[in-house]
């Protein structure tokens, strides 16, 4: 028995199994489901329409009659618990808030890598909060400060992230294009590079016609200096 134990002890031990390598995350292509956008002409749904068109996606657009109370109906509240617009129904998945819609579309259909999606999300959230409030609800000094910073960026490159148009430009450009649409006397802007940028965004084939019309009217009359824009925030936010 002792001899058997000695023989067993002398045998080389098997090497421990190697720890499994952690798998790298990989993107999984998502099948496109039926897309339905709930919106109305006075909402930020135009921003979502813009990016949907840029991506070349087929979408059914449903106009929500806010005056008629469509947004208060139980069926609609299942899509948007607060009864607002826009809402994107992506194959049964409701996404509300225009910024969230852009991020969802960029991730699923724009196929952005994580770094690119992070950059885009930064600009989208900036547009929907900081820029929107400063342009249409904040003090003029704050508005001018933000526009001056954008001027510094856009005087060096045609678009926010460089030479290529991205979803970031859909977000920021759309808010700039609300200015000539609702308050034509507020344009052209003192920040020339920003105004030129807004016109480049409006020239995109996918840009909503209402944005194009606002810029065309401002350009045709040569624009104007100053002009109050304080009430626009209320108009586009539904408040």
Protein backbone atom coordinates (compact mmCIF):
# COMPACT_ATOMS: atom_id res chain seq x y z
CA UNK A 1 0.00 0.00 0.00
CA UNK A 2 2.83 2.38 0.97
CA UNK A 3 4.59 1.54 -2.30
CA UNK A 4 1.42 2.43 -4.28
CA UNK A 5 1.14 5.75 -2.45
CA UNK A 6 4.77 6.54 -3.20
CA UNK A 7 4.26 5.79 -6.90
CA UNK A 8 1.13 7.96 -7.02
CA UNK A 9 2.93 10.80 -5.26
CA UNK A 10 5.78 10.63 -7.76
CA UNK A 11 3.48 11.06 -10.76
CA UNK A 12 3.46 14.62 -12.21
CA UNK A 13 0.31 16.53 -11.41
CA UNK A 14 -1.87 17.67 -14.28
CA UNK A 15 -1.58 21.39 -15.02
CA UNK A 16 -4.61 23.36 -13.84
CA UNK A 17 -7.06 24.27 -16.56
CA UNK A 18 -6.44 27.73 -17.97
CA UNK A 19 -8.96 30.35 -16.93
CA UNK A 20 -11.36 31.17 -19.76
CA UNK A 21 -10.51 34.38 -21.58
CA UNK A 22 -13.09 37.11 -21.13
CA UNK A 23 -15.04 37.55 -24.34
CA UNK A 24 -14.89 40.91 -26.01
CA UNK A 25 -18.21 42.63 -26.43
CA UNK A 26 -19.47 42.53 -29.96
CA UNK A 27 -22.26 44.39 -31.63
CA UNK A 28 -25.22 42.33 -32.67
CA UNK A 29 -27.02 43.49 -35.76
CA UNK A 30 -30.62 44.34 -34.93
CA UNK A 31 -33.33 43.49 -37.37
CA UNK A 32 -35.34 46.53 -38.35
CA UNK A 33 -38.92 46.33 -37.14
CA UNK A 34 -41.85 48.47 -38.21
CA UNK A 35 -41.27 52.08 -37.22
CA UNK A 36 -44.06 54.46 -36.27
CA UNK A 37 -43.46 58.07 -35.25
CA UNK A 38 -46.13 59.88 -33.26
CA UNK A 39 -45.73 63.62 -33.65
CA UNK A 40 -47.41 66.90 -34.54
CA UNK A 41 -46.26 69.94 -36.53
CA UNK A 42 -45.42 72.05 -33.49
CA UNK A 43 -43.33 69.45 -31.69
CA UNK A 44 -39.72 68.34 -31.64
CA UNK A 45 -40.80 65.39 -33.74
CA UNK A 46 -39.17 67.21 -36.68
CA UNK A 47 -35.80 66.38 -35.14
CA UNK A 48 -36.63 62.67 -35.19
CA UNK A 49 -38.04 62.95 -38.72
CA UNK A 50 -34.77 64.54 -39.84
CA UNK A 51 -32.60 61.69 -38.57
CA UNK A 52 -34.97 58.98 -39.76
CA UNK A 53 -34.69 60.46 -43.25
CA UNK A 54 -30.89 60.68 -42.97
CA UNK A 55 -30.79 56.97 -42.15
CA UNK A 56 -33.12 56.17 -45.05
CA UNK A 57 -35.57 54.33 -42.80
CA UNK A 58 -39.18 53.73 -43.70
CA UNK A 59 -41.45 55.11 -41.02
CA UNK A 60 -45.18 55.62 -40.61
CA UNK A 61 -45.90 59.11 -39.28
CA UNK A 62 -48.95 59.53 -37.06
CA UNK A 63 -50.14 63.07 -36.37
CA UNK A 64 -51.33 63.37 -32.77
CA UNK A 65 -54.23 65.80 -32.36
CA UNK A 66 -53.27 67.52 -29.13
CA UNK A 67 -56.24 69.91 -29.24
CA UNK A 68 -58.57 66.99 -29.80
CA UNK A 69 -57.12 65.18 -26.80
CA UNK A 70 -55.48 62.23 -28.57
CA UNK A 71 -52.55 62.49 -26.16
CA UNK A 72 -54.84 61.95 -23.17
CA UNK A 73 -56.24 58.65 -24.37
CA UNK A 74 -55.28 55.48 -22.51
CA UNK A 75 -53.83 53.83 -25.61
CA UNK A 76 -51.50 56.76 -26.19
CA UNK A 77 -50.49 56.98 -22.52
CA UNK A 78 -49.16 53.45 -22.87
CA UNK A 79 -46.70 54.82 -25.42
CA UNK A 80 -45.89 58.02 -23.53
CA UNK A 81 -46.91 58.08 -19.86
CA UNK A 82 -46.87 61.89 -19.84
CA UNK A 83 -48.95 62.25 -23.00
CA UNK A 84 -46.45 64.28 -25.02
CA UNK A 85 -44.87 64.04 -28.46
CA UNK A 86 -42.79 62.72 -30.11
CA UNK A 87 -42.84 58.99 -29.54
CA UNK A 88 -41.10 56.41 -31.73
CA UNK A 89 -42.66 52.95 -31.70
CA UNK A 90 -39.92 50.61 -32.89
CA UNK A 91 -41.55 47.24 -33.40
CA UNK A 92 -43.46 47.48 -30.13
CA UNK A 93 -40.74 49.31 -28.18
CA UNK A 94 -41.90 52.87 -27.39
CA UNK A 95 -39.15 55.50 -27.09
CA UNK A 96 -40.13 58.99 -25.96
CA UNK A 97 -38.14 62.26 -25.78
CA UNK A 98 -36.55 63.42 -29.02
CA UNK A 99 -33.02 63.04 -27.65
CA UNK A 100 -33.66 59.46 -26.57
CA UNK A 101 -35.07 58.72 -30.01
CA UNK A 102 -31.91 60.01 -31.70
CA UNK A 103 -29.66 57.97 -29.41
CA UNK A 104 -31.76 54.84 -29.97
CA UNK A 105 -31.69 55.26 -33.75
CA UNK A 106 -27.95 56.00 -33.78
CA UNK A 107 -27.24 52.91 -31.72
CA UNK A 108 -29.53 50.48 -33.51
CA UNK A 109 -29.58 51.69 -37.10
CA UNK A 110 -26.62 54.07 -37.32
CA UNK A 111 -24.42 51.26 -35.96
CA UNK A 112 -22.13 53.66 -34.08
CA UNK A 113 -19.29 52.17 -32.08
CA UNK A 114 -19.34 52.88 -28.32
CA UNK A 115 -16.98 55.86 -28.53
CA UNK A 116 -18.90 57.47 -31.38
CA UNK A 117 -22.18 56.89 -29.57
CA UNK A 118 -20.76 58.54 -26.47
CA UNK A 119 -19.71 61.61 -28.44
CA UNK A 120 -23.10 61.79 -30.11
CA UNK A 121 -24.96 61.43 -26.82
CA UNK A 122 -22.96 64.35 -25.40
CA UNK A 123 -24.04 66.65 -28.23
CA UNK A 124 -27.64 65.38 -28.25
CA UNK A 125 -28.10 66.00 -24.53
CA UNK A 126 -26.38 69.38 -24.85
CA UNK A 127 -28.82 70.33 -27.60
CA UNK A 128 -31.94 69.17 -25.77
CA UNK A 129 -31.08 70.82 -22.48
CA UNK A 130 -28.29 73.41 -22.35
CA UNK A 131 -28.63 74.82 -25.87
CA UNK A 132 -32.42 74.73 -26.04
CA UNK A 133 -32.86 76.53 -22.74
CA UNK A 134 -30.16 79.10 -23.52
CA UNK A 135 -31.51 79.88 -26.99
CA UNK A 136 -35.16 80.05 -26.14
CA UNK A 137 -35.55 80.52 -22.42
CA UNK A 138 -32.36 81.85 -20.90
CA UNK A 139 -30.55 85.15 -20.52
CA UNK A 140 -29.12 86.69 -23.67
CA UNK A 141 -25.61 86.65 -22.17
CA UNK A 142 -25.76 82.88 -21.72
CA UNK A 143 -27.12 82.45 -25.24
CA UNK A 144 -24.35 84.55 -26.74
CA UNK A 145 -21.72 82.70 -24.73
CA UNK A 146 -22.84 79.33 -26.06
CA UNK A 147 -23.06 80.64 -29.62
CA UNK A 148 -19.56 82.10 -29.31
CA UNK A 149 -18.24 78.69 -28.26
CA UNK A 150 -19.98 77.04 -31.21
CA UNK A 151 -18.49 79.77 -33.41
CA UNK A 152 -15.01 78.81 -32.23
CA UNK A 153 -15.65 75.16 -33.12
CA UNK A 154 -17.40 75.72 -36.43
CA UNK A 155 -14.91 78.29 -37.70
CA UNK A 156 -12.36 75.45 -37.83
CA UNK A 157 -14.48 72.60 -39.23
CA UNK A 158 -17.74 72.22 -41.18
CA UNK A 159 -19.53 70.04 -38.63
CA UNK A 160 -19.49 69.50 -34.88
CA UNK A 161 -17.43 66.31 -34.98
CA UNK A 162 -15.21 67.27 -37.90
CA UNK A 163 -15.61 66.92 -41.65
CA UNK A 164 -18.57 64.53 -41.62
CA UNK A 165 -22.24 65.24 -40.88
CA UNK A 166 -23.45 63.15 -37.92
CA UNK A 167 -26.45 62.74 -35.66
CA UNK A 168 -24.85 65.41 -33.45
CA UNK A 169 -25.54 67.91 -36.23
CA UNK A 170 -29.14 66.74 -36.50
CA UNK A 171 -29.61 67.56 -32.81
CA UNK A 172 -27.75 70.87 -32.54
CA UNK A 173 -28.59 72.03 -36.06
CA UNK A 174 -32.31 71.50 -35.51
CA UNK A 175 -32.39 73.87 -32.54
CA UNK A 176 -30.49 76.51 -34.48
CA UNK A 177 -32.98 76.10 -37.33
CA UNK A 178 -35.91 76.76 -35.03
CA UNK A 179 -34.71 80.36 -34.75
CA UNK A 180 -35.44 81.51 -38.32
CA UNK A 181 -38.54 79.31 -38.38
CA UNK A 182 -40.25 80.95 -35.40
CA UNK A 183 -38.36 84.23 -35.01
CA UNK A 184 -36.94 85.30 -38.39
CA UNK A 185 -35.81 88.65 -36.96
CA UNK A 186 -33.26 86.80 -34.80
CA UNK A 187 -31.16 85.85 -37.84
CA UNK A 188 -28.65 86.05 -39.36
CA UNK A 189 -26.70 85.41 -36.19
CA UNK A 190 -23.77 87.58 -35.18
CA UNK A 191 -21.73 84.36 -35.15
CA UNK A 192 -21.14 84.01 -38.88
CA UNK A 193 -19.73 80.46 -38.81
CA UNK A 194 -22.72 79.26 -36.79
CA UNK A 195 -25.17 80.83 -39.24
CA UNK A 196 -23.28 79.33 -42.20
CA UNK A 197 -23.40 75.97 -40.40
CA UNK A 198 -27.16 76.26 -39.90
CA UNK A 199 -27.57 76.86 -43.63
CA UNK A 200 -25.42 73.80 -44.44
CA UNK A 201 -27.62 71.68 -42.20
CA UNK A 202 -30.75 73.08 -43.84
CA UNK A 203 -29.34 72.21 -47.28
CA UNK A 204 -29.32 68.48 -46.46
CA UNK A 205 -31.76 66.48 -48.57
CA UNK A 206 -33.17 64.88 -45.42
CA UNK A 207 -33.75 68.19 -43.64
CA UNK A 208 -37.46 68.88 -42.96
CA UNK A 209 -39.00 71.31 -45.43
CA UNK A 210 -40.15 73.65 -42.67
CA UNK A 211 -36.52 74.18 -41.59
CA UNK A 212 -35.54 74.88 -45.20
CA UNK A 213 -38.39 77.37 -45.59
CA UNK A 214 -37.40 79.27 -42.47
CA UNK A 215 -33.81 79.67 -43.63
CA UNK A 216 -34.86 80.56 -47.18
CA UNK A 217 -37.15 83.31 -45.92
CA UNK A 218 -34.43 84.71 -43.66
CA UNK A 219 -31.86 84.67 -46.45
CA UNK A 220 -34.28 86.24 -48.93
CA UNK A 221 -34.92 89.25 -46.73
CA UNK A 222 -31.38 89.48 -45.47
CA UNK A 223 -32.33 88.60 -41.91
CA UNK A 224 -32.33 91.15 -39.11
CA UNK A 225 -30.43 92.05 -36.02
CA UNK A 226 -31.61 91.22 -32.54
CA UNK A 227 -35.18 90.10 -32.12
CA UNK A 228 -36.74 88.45 -29.13
CA UNK A 229 -36.71 84.67 -28.99
CA UNK A 230 -37.84 84.15 -25.42
CA UNK A 231 -41.20 82.60 -26.31
CA UNK A 232 -39.86 79.88 -28.59
CA UNK A 233 -38.88 77.60 -25.73
CA UNK A 234 -42.54 77.47 -24.69
CA UNK A 235 -43.70 76.78 -28.23
CA UNK A 236 -41.41 73.85 -28.95
CA UNK A 237 -41.60 72.29 -25.50
CA UNK A 238 -45.38 72.31 -25.34
CA UNK A 239 -45.33 74.46 -22.19
